[in-house]
Amino acid sequence: MEGLIPVESVVQGINLIRGQKVMLDSDLAVFYWVGTKVLNQAVKRNTEPFPDILK
C-alpha cells in the first residue's frame, strides 16, 4: 500500500522522557504532512481524545 509510514520511522520518533514514551509535535507533523503549528491547532480544537495532557 502506498502512503503508509514504515514502522522503523515511527519507532525512531519515540522518545523516553521521565519514563513515558512520547513523540514530539514536530515529528508527528511530518507523519501527517502538515506544519507543526497546524497540528497543534488541530489538537487544541479536538481536545476530547486528549483529556489528560491538555489540562
Protein backbone atom coordinates (compact mmCIF):
# COMPACT_ATOMS: atom_id res chain seq x y z
CA MET A 1 0.00 0.00 0.00
CA GLU A 2 1.21 3.48 -0.77
CA GLY A 3 1.23 6.21 1.82
CA LEU A 4 1.94 4.00 4.82
CA ILE A 5 4.73 5.09 7.12
CA PRO A 6 7.38 2.45 7.82
CA VAL A 7 7.33 1.19 11.40
CA GLU A 8 11.03 2.00 11.74
CA SER A 9 10.30 5.68 11.11
CA VAL A 10 7.66 5.77 13.83
CA VAL A 11 9.85 3.93 16.32
CA GLN A 12 12.72 6.36 15.71
CA GLY A 13 10.42 9.26 16.61
CA ILE A 14 9.51 7.83 20.02
CA ASN A 15 11.47 9.30 22.93
CA LEU A 16 11.57 8.16 26.54
CA ILE A 17 11.11 11.14 28.85
CA ARG A 18 10.70 10.62 32.59
CA GLY A 19 9.64 7.04 31.96
CA GLN A 20 6.95 7.98 29.42
CA LYS A 21 7.07 7.22 25.71
CA VAL A 22 6.39 10.45 23.82
CA MET A 23 6.62 11.87 20.33
CA LEU A 24 7.43 15.50 19.66
CA ASP A 25 4.82 17.51 17.81
CA SER A 26 7.34 18.25 15.07
CA ASP A 27 7.84 14.50 14.45
CA LEU A 28 4.08 13.88 14.35
CA ALA A 29 3.57 16.77 11.96
CA VAL A 30 5.97 15.15 9.49
CA PHE A 31 3.92 11.95 9.52
CA TYR A 32 0.73 13.86 8.76
CA TRP A 33 2.43 16.09 6.14
CA VAL A 34 1.40 19.29 7.93
CA GLY A 35 3.24 22.03 9.75
CA THR A 36 3.76 21.83 13.49
CA LYS A 37 1.54 24.87 14.01
CA VAL A 38 -1.31 23.28 12.04
CA LEU A 39 -1.02 20.04 14.04
CA ASN A 40 -1.11 21.91 17.35
CA GLN A 41 -4.16 23.92 16.25
CA ALA A 42 -5.97 20.70 15.29
CA VAL A 43 -5.20 19.16 18.69
CA LYS A 44 -6.47 22.27 20.50
CA ARG A 45 -9.71 22.19 18.51
CA ASN A 46 -10.25 18.49 19.20
CA THR A 47 -9.44 18.11 22.89
CA GLU A 48 -11.74 15.14 23.59
CA PRO A 49 -9.18 12.48 22.54
CA PHE A 50 -6.51 14.18 24.69
CA PRO A 51 -8.20 14.99 28.03
CA ASP A 52 -5.26 14.22 30.35
CA ILE A 53 -2.48 16.00 28.50
CA LEU A 54 -4.25 19.29 27.77
CA LYS A 55 -5.47 20.14 31.27
